[in-house]
Amino acid sequence: MQQKNNKRLRTFVKRAINPIMRNFAFSSHGPFALLRHVGRNSGKTYEIPMMVWPVEGGFVIVLTYGPHVDWLRNLQAASHGSLRWHKQEYVFQKPEYIDASIALAALPPFIKQVLKRNGARHFIKISSQPVTQASDMAHTHS
C-alpha cells in the first residue's frame, strides 16, 4: 500500500508540481534548480526541477523519495549531468552519497528542521563548476 501511495504522489508531483517548480528554476533566487540527465535506456534528455543547496565545490540534494529513483540511476549510469541554478549552467560528474549529518549541516536551519522531522536520510553531493569555467579549463588542457 505504501508503495502505491508513493507512486501516486510521484505522479502528482510530476504532472502538477514540477511544471510550477520548473518556472522557479529559471529565477535567480531560492533553492530551485533544473537538473538535466540522459535516460540510461532511452538516451532521451530529461529535465527535472528540484531543490538544491550550494556547498563548497557543488550542491547538496536531498533524495526525497530515497536512493532508488530513476533520475539518480540515470546520472550514475552516465557519470555526468548538468544543472541550471540562479541563471547559471553547471556541469558535474557522478554524484556521491553523503552522510545525512554532513548534508544537514550545510542546509539553512528551517530546511534542516523540516527534513529532520520528515525523516530525510538520503543525500547526494554533486561536485560542479559553472559551464564557462568548465569550457575554459577544457581549452587550457587541450
N, C-alpha and C. Protein backbone atom coordinates (compact mmCIF):
# COMPACT_ATOMS: atom_id res chain seq x y z
N MET A 1 0.82 -1.20 0.00
CA MET A 1 0.00 0.00 0.00
C MET A 1 0.87 1.26 0.00
N GLN A 2 1.93 1.26 0.82
CA GLN A 2 2.84 2.40 0.90
C GLN A 2 3.44 2.71 -0.47
N GLN A 3 3.88 1.67 -1.18
CA GLN A 3 4.48 1.84 -2.49
C GLN A 3 3.48 2.44 -3.49
N LYS A 4 2.23 2.01 -3.41
CA LYS A 4 1.19 2.53 -4.28
C LYS A 4 0.95 4.02 -4.01
N ASN A 5 0.93 4.41 -2.72
CA ASN A 5 0.76 5.81 -2.35
C ASN A 5 1.94 6.65 -2.82
N ASN A 6 3.17 6.11 -2.69
CA ASN A 6 4.35 6.82 -3.17
C ASN A 6 4.28 7.05 -4.67
N LYS A 7 3.83 6.04 -5.40
CA LYS A 7 3.72 6.17 -6.86
C LYS A 7 2.69 7.24 -7.22
N ARG A 8 1.58 7.26 -6.51
CA ARG A 8 0.56 8.29 -6.75
C ARG A 8 1.11 9.68 -6.47
N LEU A 9 1.83 9.81 -5.36
CA LEU A 9 2.42 11.10 -5.00
C LEU A 9 3.42 11.54 -6.06
N ARG A 10 4.28 10.64 -6.50
CA ARG A 10 5.27 10.99 -7.53
C ARG A 10 4.60 11.39 -8.83
N THR A 11 3.52 10.70 -9.20
CA THR A 11 2.79 11.05 -10.42
C THR A 11 2.17 12.44 -10.28
N PHE A 12 1.58 12.73 -9.13
CA PHE A 12 1.01 14.05 -8.89
C PHE A 12 2.09 15.13 -8.97
N VAL A 13 3.21 14.89 -8.32
CA VAL A 13 4.31 15.87 -8.34
C VAL A 13 4.80 16.08 -9.76
N LYS A 14 4.96 15.00 -10.50
CA LYS A 14 5.46 15.08 -11.87
C LYS A 14 4.53 15.90 -12.77
N ARG A 15 3.23 15.69 -12.62
CA ARG A 15 2.27 16.35 -13.51
C ARG A 15 1.81 17.72 -13.04
N ALA A 16 1.71 17.94 -11.73
CA ALA A 16 1.15 19.19 -11.22
C ALA A 16 2.20 20.13 -10.62
N ILE A 17 3.11 19.60 -9.85
CA ILE A 17 4.07 20.44 -9.13
C ILE A 17 5.30 20.77 -9.98
N ASN A 18 5.85 19.79 -10.69
CA ASN A 18 7.06 20.03 -11.47
C ASN A 18 6.93 21.16 -12.49
N PRO A 19 5.82 21.27 -13.22
CA PRO A 19 5.71 22.40 -14.16
C PRO A 19 5.80 23.76 -13.46
N ILE A 20 5.28 23.86 -12.25
CA ILE A 20 5.37 25.11 -11.49
C ILE A 20 6.81 25.32 -11.02
N MET A 21 7.41 24.28 -10.48
CA MET A 21 8.80 24.38 -10.00
C MET A 21 9.77 24.71 -11.13
N ARG A 22 9.49 24.22 -12.32
CA ARG A 22 10.35 24.49 -13.47
C ARG A 22 10.49 26.00 -13.68
N ASN A 23 9.39 26.75 -13.50
CA ASN A 23 9.45 28.20 -13.64
C ASN A 23 10.36 28.83 -12.59
N PHE A 24 10.31 28.31 -11.36
CA PHE A 24 11.18 28.83 -10.30
C PHE A 24 12.65 28.56 -10.61
N ALA A 25 12.92 27.49 -11.30
CA ALA A 25 14.31 27.12 -11.60
C ALA A 25 15.00 28.14 -12.50
N PHE A 26 14.24 28.98 -13.16
CA PHE A 26 14.83 29.99 -14.04
C PHE A 26 15.01 31.33 -13.35
N SER A 27 14.70 31.41 -12.06
CA SER A 27 14.89 32.66 -11.32
C SER A 27 16.30 32.70 -10.75
N SER A 28 16.64 33.82 -10.15
CA SER A 28 17.97 33.94 -9.55
C SER A 28 17.90 33.91 -8.03
N HIS A 29 16.80 33.39 -7.49
CA HIS A 29 16.63 33.31 -6.04
C HIS A 29 16.14 31.93 -5.64
N GLY A 30 16.40 31.58 -4.41
CA GLY A 30 15.85 30.34 -3.86
C GLY A 30 16.64 29.11 -4.23
N PRO A 31 16.19 27.97 -3.74
CA PRO A 31 16.93 26.71 -3.93
C PRO A 31 16.53 25.92 -5.18
N PHE A 32 15.71 26.50 -6.04
CA PHE A 32 15.20 25.72 -7.17
C PHE A 32 16.19 25.66 -8.32
N ALA A 33 16.34 24.48 -8.88
CA ALA A 33 17.25 24.25 -10.00
C ALA A 33 16.59 23.30 -10.99
N LEU A 34 17.16 23.25 -12.17
CA LEU A 34 16.70 22.32 -13.20
C LEU A 34 17.85 21.36 -13.49
N LEU A 35 17.66 20.10 -13.15
CA LEU A 35 18.69 19.09 -13.33
C LEU A 35 18.44 18.37 -14.65
N ARG A 36 19.49 18.23 -15.45
CA ARG A 36 19.38 17.54 -16.74
C ARG A 36 20.19 16.25 -16.70
N HIS A 37 19.58 15.21 -17.24
CA HIS A 37 20.27 13.92 -17.32
C HIS A 37 19.75 13.16 -18.53
N VAL A 38 20.47 12.12 -18.90
CA VAL A 38 20.12 11.31 -20.06
C VAL A 38 19.64 9.95 -19.58
N GLY A 39 18.51 9.50 -20.13
CA GLY A 39 17.97 8.19 -19.76
C GLY A 39 18.93 7.07 -20.10
N ARG A 40 19.14 6.16 -19.17
CA ARG A 40 20.11 5.09 -19.36
C ARG A 40 19.66 4.08 -20.41
N ASN A 41 18.37 3.95 -20.65
CA ASN A 41 17.87 3.03 -21.67
C ASN A 41 17.41 3.76 -22.92
N SER A 42 16.73 4.89 -22.73
CA SER A 42 16.14 5.60 -23.87
C SER A 42 17.11 6.52 -24.58
N GLY A 43 18.11 7.03 -23.86
CA GLY A 43 19.02 8.02 -24.43
C GLY A 43 18.39 9.40 -24.51
N LYS A 44 17.17 9.52 -24.02
CA LYS A 44 16.44 10.79 -24.06
C LYS A 44 16.95 11.72 -22.95
N THR A 45 17.00 13.03 -23.24
CA THR A 45 17.38 14.01 -22.23
C THR A 45 16.16 14.40 -21.41
N TYR A 46 16.32 14.37 -20.10
CA TYR A 46 15.25 14.74 -19.16
C TYR A 46 15.66 15.96 -18.36
N GLU A 47 14.68 16.77 -18.00
CA GLU A 47 14.89 17.93 -17.12
C GLU A 47 13.96 17.79 -15.93
N ILE A 48 14.54 17.85 -14.74
CA ILE A 48 13.76 17.68 -13.53
C ILE A 48 13.99 18.88 -12.61
N PRO A 49 12.92 19.59 -12.26
CA PRO A 49 13.09 20.67 -11.29
C PRO A 49 13.26 20.08 -9.90
N MET A 50 14.15 20.66 -9.14
CA MET A 50 14.38 20.18 -7.77
C MET A 50 15.01 21.27 -6.93
N MET A 51 15.05 21.02 -5.64
CA MET A 51 15.69 21.96 -4.73
C MET A 51 17.11 21.49 -4.46
N VAL A 52 18.06 22.42 -4.57
CA VAL A 52 19.47 22.13 -4.30
C VAL A 52 20.01 23.21 -3.37
N TRP A 53 21.06 22.87 -2.65
CA TRP A 53 21.68 23.85 -1.77
C TRP A 53 23.17 23.90 -2.08
N PRO A 54 23.68 25.11 -2.33
CA PRO A 54 25.10 25.24 -2.66
C PRO A 54 25.99 24.93 -1.46
N VAL A 55 27.05 24.22 -1.73
CA VAL A 55 28.11 23.95 -0.75
C VAL A 55 29.43 24.17 -1.49
N GLU A 56 30.51 24.19 -0.76
CA GLU A 56 31.79 24.40 -1.41
C GLU A 56 32.03 23.34 -2.48
N GLY A 57 32.23 23.80 -3.70
CA GLY A 57 32.53 22.89 -4.80
C GLY A 57 31.35 22.18 -5.43
N GLY A 58 30.12 22.55 -5.05
CA GLY A 58 28.99 21.88 -5.67
C GLY A 58 27.67 22.15 -4.97
N PHE A 59 26.81 21.13 -4.95
CA PHE A 59 25.47 21.26 -4.40
C PHE A 59 25.10 20.00 -3.63
N VAL A 60 24.24 20.17 -2.62
CA VAL A 60 23.65 19.06 -1.89
C VAL A 60 22.21 18.91 -2.35
N ILE A 61 21.79 17.67 -2.55
CA ILE A 61 20.42 17.35 -2.96
C ILE A 61 19.87 16.30 -2.01
N VAL A 62 18.68 16.55 -1.49
CA VAL A 62 18.02 15.55 -0.65
C VAL A 62 17.27 14.58 -1.56
N LEU A 63 17.40 13.30 -1.28
CA LEU A 63 16.71 12.28 -2.06
C LEU A 63 15.37 12.01 -1.39
N THR A 64 14.42 12.87 -1.66
CA THR A 64 13.11 12.84 -1.02
C THR A 64 12.43 11.48 -1.12
N TYR A 65 12.56 10.84 -2.27
CA TYR A 65 11.92 9.54 -2.48
C TYR A 65 12.88 8.37 -2.29
N GLY A 66 14.04 8.64 -1.70
CA GLY A 66 15.02 7.59 -1.46
C GLY A 66 16.03 7.48 -2.59
N PRO A 67 16.98 6.56 -2.44
CA PRO A 67 18.09 6.46 -3.39
C PRO A 67 17.79 5.66 -4.66
N HIS A 68 16.58 5.15 -4.81
CA HIS A 68 16.28 4.29 -5.96
C HIS A 68 15.39 4.97 -7.00
N VAL A 69 15.62 6.25 -7.23
CA VAL A 69 14.82 6.99 -8.21
C VAL A 69 15.51 6.95 -9.57
N ASP A 70 14.71 6.98 -10.62
CA ASP A 70 15.25 6.86 -11.98
C ASP A 70 16.27 7.94 -12.31
N TRP A 71 15.98 9.19 -11.95
CA TRP A 71 16.90 10.25 -12.34
C TRP A 71 18.29 10.03 -11.75
N LEU A 72 18.37 9.52 -10.53
CA LEU A 72 19.67 9.27 -9.91
C LEU A 72 20.36 8.07 -10.58
N ARG A 73 19.60 7.04 -10.87
CA ARG A 73 20.18 5.88 -11.56
C ARG A 73 20.70 6.29 -12.95
N ASN A 74 19.97 7.20 -13.61
CA ASN A 74 20.43 7.69 -14.91
C ASN A 74 21.74 8.47 -14.76
N LEU A 75 21.83 9.32 -13.74
CA LEU A 75 23.07 10.08 -13.51
C LEU A 75 24.23 9.15 -13.20
N GLN A 76 23.98 8.14 -12.40
CA GLN A 76 25.04 7.20 -12.05
C GLN A 76 25.51 6.43 -13.28
N ALA A 77 24.59 6.05 -14.14
CA ALA A 77 24.96 5.31 -15.35
C ALA A 77 25.74 6.18 -16.32
N ALA A 78 25.34 7.44 -16.45
CA ALA A 78 26.00 8.35 -17.39
C ALA A 78 27.28 8.95 -16.81
N SER A 79 27.38 8.98 -15.49
CA SER A 79 28.52 9.58 -14.78
C SER A 79 28.64 11.09 -14.96
N HIS A 80 27.58 11.73 -15.43
CA HIS A 80 27.62 13.19 -15.54
C HIS A 80 26.21 13.73 -15.76
N GLY A 81 26.08 15.04 -15.62
CA GLY A 81 24.82 15.72 -15.86
C GLY A 81 25.05 17.21 -15.82
N SER A 82 23.98 17.98 -15.89
CA SER A 82 24.11 19.43 -15.79
C SER A 82 22.96 19.97 -14.95
N LEU A 83 23.15 21.20 -14.52
CA LEU A 83 22.22 21.82 -13.60
C LEU A 83 22.13 23.30 -13.93
N ARG A 84 20.91 23.84 -13.93
CA ARG A 84 20.73 25.28 -14.08
C ARG A 84 20.23 25.80 -12.74
N TRP A 85 21.02 26.70 -12.15
CA TRP A 85 20.69 27.27 -10.84
C TRP A 85 21.07 28.74 -10.86
N HIS A 86 20.13 29.59 -10.46
CA HIS A 86 20.33 31.05 -10.42
C HIS A 86 20.87 31.59 -11.74
N LYS A 87 20.23 31.15 -12.83
CA LYS A 87 20.54 31.61 -14.18
C LYS A 87 21.95 31.25 -14.64
N GLN A 88 22.55 30.24 -14.03
CA GLN A 88 23.89 29.79 -14.39
C GLN A 88 23.85 28.29 -14.65
N GLU A 89 24.54 27.87 -15.70
CA GLU A 89 24.65 26.44 -16.01
C GLU A 89 25.88 25.85 -15.31
N TYR A 90 25.71 24.66 -14.77
CA TYR A 90 26.80 23.94 -14.12
C TYR A 90 26.88 22.55 -14.72
N VAL A 91 28.08 22.01 -14.80
CA VAL A 91 28.27 20.61 -15.20
C VAL A 91 28.82 19.86 -13.99
N PHE A 92 28.51 18.58 -13.93
CA PHE A 92 29.02 17.80 -12.81
C PHE A 92 29.26 16.36 -13.24
N GLN A 93 30.08 15.70 -12.46
CA GLN A 93 30.39 14.29 -12.67
C GLN A 93 29.47 13.45 -11.79
N LYS A 94 29.74 12.19 -11.72
CA LYS A 94 28.92 11.24 -10.97
C LYS A 94 28.62 11.75 -9.55
N PRO A 95 27.36 11.72 -9.15
CA PRO A 95 27.00 12.17 -7.79
C PRO A 95 27.54 11.19 -6.75
N GLU A 96 27.78 11.72 -5.54
CA GLU A 96 28.24 10.85 -4.46
C GLU A 96 27.30 10.94 -3.28
N TYR A 97 27.04 9.80 -2.65
CA TYR A 97 26.22 9.78 -1.44
C TYR A 97 27.00 10.42 -0.32
N ILE A 98 26.31 11.21 0.51
CA ILE A 98 26.97 11.79 1.68
C ILE A 98 26.12 11.51 2.91
N ASP A 99 26.78 11.49 4.04
CA ASP A 99 26.12 11.23 5.31
C ASP A 99 25.11 12.33 5.61
N ALA A 100 23.98 11.95 6.18
CA ALA A 100 22.91 12.91 6.49
C ALA A 100 23.40 14.02 7.41
N SER A 101 24.26 13.70 8.37
CA SER A 101 24.73 14.74 9.30
C SER A 101 25.55 15.80 8.57
N ILE A 102 26.34 15.40 7.59
CA ILE A 102 27.13 16.35 6.79
C ILE A 102 26.21 17.19 5.92
N ALA A 103 25.26 16.53 5.27
CA ALA A 103 24.33 17.24 4.39
C ALA A 103 23.49 18.24 5.18
N LEU A 104 22.92 17.80 6.28
CA LEU A 104 22.05 18.67 7.07
C LEU A 104 22.81 19.88 7.62
N ALA A 105 24.08 19.70 7.95
CA ALA A 105 24.89 20.81 8.47
C ALA A 105 25.05 21.92 7.44
N ALA A 106 24.93 21.58 6.16
CA ALA A 106 25.12 22.56 5.09
C ALA A 106 23.84 23.30 4.72
N LEU A 107 22.71 22.89 5.29
CA LEU A 107 21.42 23.45 4.90
C LEU A 107 20.97 24.57 5.83
N PRO A 108 20.11 25.46 5.34
CA PRO A 108 19.54 26.50 6.20
C PRO A 108 18.76 25.87 7.35
N PRO A 109 18.73 26.53 8.52
CA PRO A 109 18.08 25.96 9.71
C PRO A 109 16.65 25.49 9.50
N PHE A 110 15.83 26.29 8.83
CA PHE A 110 14.43 25.91 8.63
C PHE A 110 14.32 24.63 7.80
N ILE A 111 15.07 24.57 6.71
CA ILE A 111 15.06 23.39 5.83
C ILE A 111 15.55 22.17 6.60
N LYS A 112 16.61 22.36 7.38
CA LYS A 112 17.16 21.27 8.19
C LYS A 112 16.09 20.70 9.13
N GLN A 113 15.34 21.59 9.79
CA GLN A 113 14.28 21.15 10.71
C GLN A 113 13.20 20.35 9.98
N VAL A 114 12.76 20.87 8.84
CA VAL A 114 11.71 20.20 8.06
C VAL A 114 12.17 18.81 7.64
N LEU A 115 13.39 18.73 7.13
CA LEU A 115 13.90 17.44 6.66
C LEU A 115 14.08 16.45 7.81
N LYS A 116 14.57 16.93 8.94
CA LYS A 116 14.72 16.04 10.11
C LYS A 116 13.36 15.51 10.56
N ARG A 117 12.36 16.41 10.63
CA ARG A 117 11.02 16.00 11.06
C ARG A 117 10.41 14.96 10.13
N ASN A 118 10.73 15.10 8.84
CA ASN A 118 10.17 14.18 7.85
C ASN A 118 11.04 12.95 7.62
N GLY A 119 12.09 12.82 8.41
CA GLY A 119 12.91 11.61 8.35
C GLY A 119 13.81 11.48 7.13
N ALA A 120 14.24 12.61 6.55
CA ALA A 120 15.13 12.55 5.39
C ALA A 120 16.44 11.88 5.80
N ARG A 121 16.83 10.86 5.05
CA ARG A 121 18.03 10.10 5.40
C ARG A 121 19.03 9.98 4.25
N HIS A 122 18.59 10.28 3.05
CA HIS A 122 19.45 10.06 1.88
C HIS A 122 19.76 11.38 1.18
N PHE A 123 21.05 11.61 0.96
CA PHE A 123 21.51 12.84 0.33
C PHE A 123 22.64 12.52 -0.63
N ILE A 124 22.77 13.37 -1.65
CA ILE A 124 23.92 13.28 -2.53
C ILE A 124 24.57 14.65 -2.62
N LYS A 125 25.83 14.62 -3.01
CA LYS A 125 26.53 15.86 -3.35
C LYS A 125 26.96 15.71 -4.80
N ILE A 126 26.76 16.78 -5.55
CA ILE A 126 27.29 16.82 -6.90
C ILE A 126 28.39 17.87 -6.91
N SER A 127 29.58 17.47 -7.28
CA SER A 127 30.69 18.41 -7.41
C SER A 127 30.56 19.03 -8.78
N SER A 128 30.48 20.36 -8.81
CA SER A 128 30.18 21.02 -10.08
C SER A 128 31.02 22.27 -10.26
N GLN A 129 30.95 22.77 -11.48
CA GLN A 129 31.56 24.05 -11.81
C GLN A 129 30.72 24.72 -12.88
N PRO A 130 30.73 26.07 -12.89
CA PRO A 130 29.98 26.77 -13.93
C PRO A 130 30.46 26.35 -15.31
N VAL A 131 29.56 26.32 -16.27
CA VAL A 131 29.89 25.88 -17.62
C VAL A 131 31.02 26.70 -18.22
N THR A 132 31.02 28.02 -18.03
CA THR A 132 32.09 28.85 -18.61
C THR A 132 33.44 28.43 -18.05
N GLN A 133 33.49 28.12 -16.76
CA GLN A 133 34.72 27.66 -16.15
C GLN A 133 35.12 26.31 -16.72
N ALA A 134 34.16 25.44 -16.91
CA ALA A 134 34.44 24.11 -17.44
C ALA A 134 34.99 24.20 -18.85
N SER A 135 34.41 25.07 -19.69
CA SER A 135 34.90 25.18 -21.06
C SER A 135 36.25 25.89 -21.09
N ASP A 136 36.49 26.83 -20.17
CA ASP A 136 37.80 27.48 -20.08
C ASP A 136 38.86 26.44 -19.74
N MET A 137 38.55 25.54 -18.81
CA MET A 137 39.50 24.51 -18.41
C MET A 137 39.77 23.55 -19.56
N ALA A 138 38.76 23.23 -20.33
CA ALA A 138 38.93 22.31 -21.45
C ALA A 138 39.88 22.91 -22.48
N HIS A 139 39.80 24.22 -22.69
CA HIS A 139 40.67 24.87 -23.66
C HIS A 139 42.11 24.95 -23.17
N THR A 140 42.31 25.12 -21.87
CA THR A 140 43.67 25.23 -21.35
C THR A 140 44.35 23.88 -21.25
N HIS A 141 43.58 22.79 -21.21
CA HIS A 141 44.17 21.46 -21.08
C HIS A 141 44.21 20.70 -22.41
N SER A 142 43.86 21.34 -23.52
CA SER A 142 43.89 20.61 -24.78
C SER A 142 45.22 20.75 -25.47
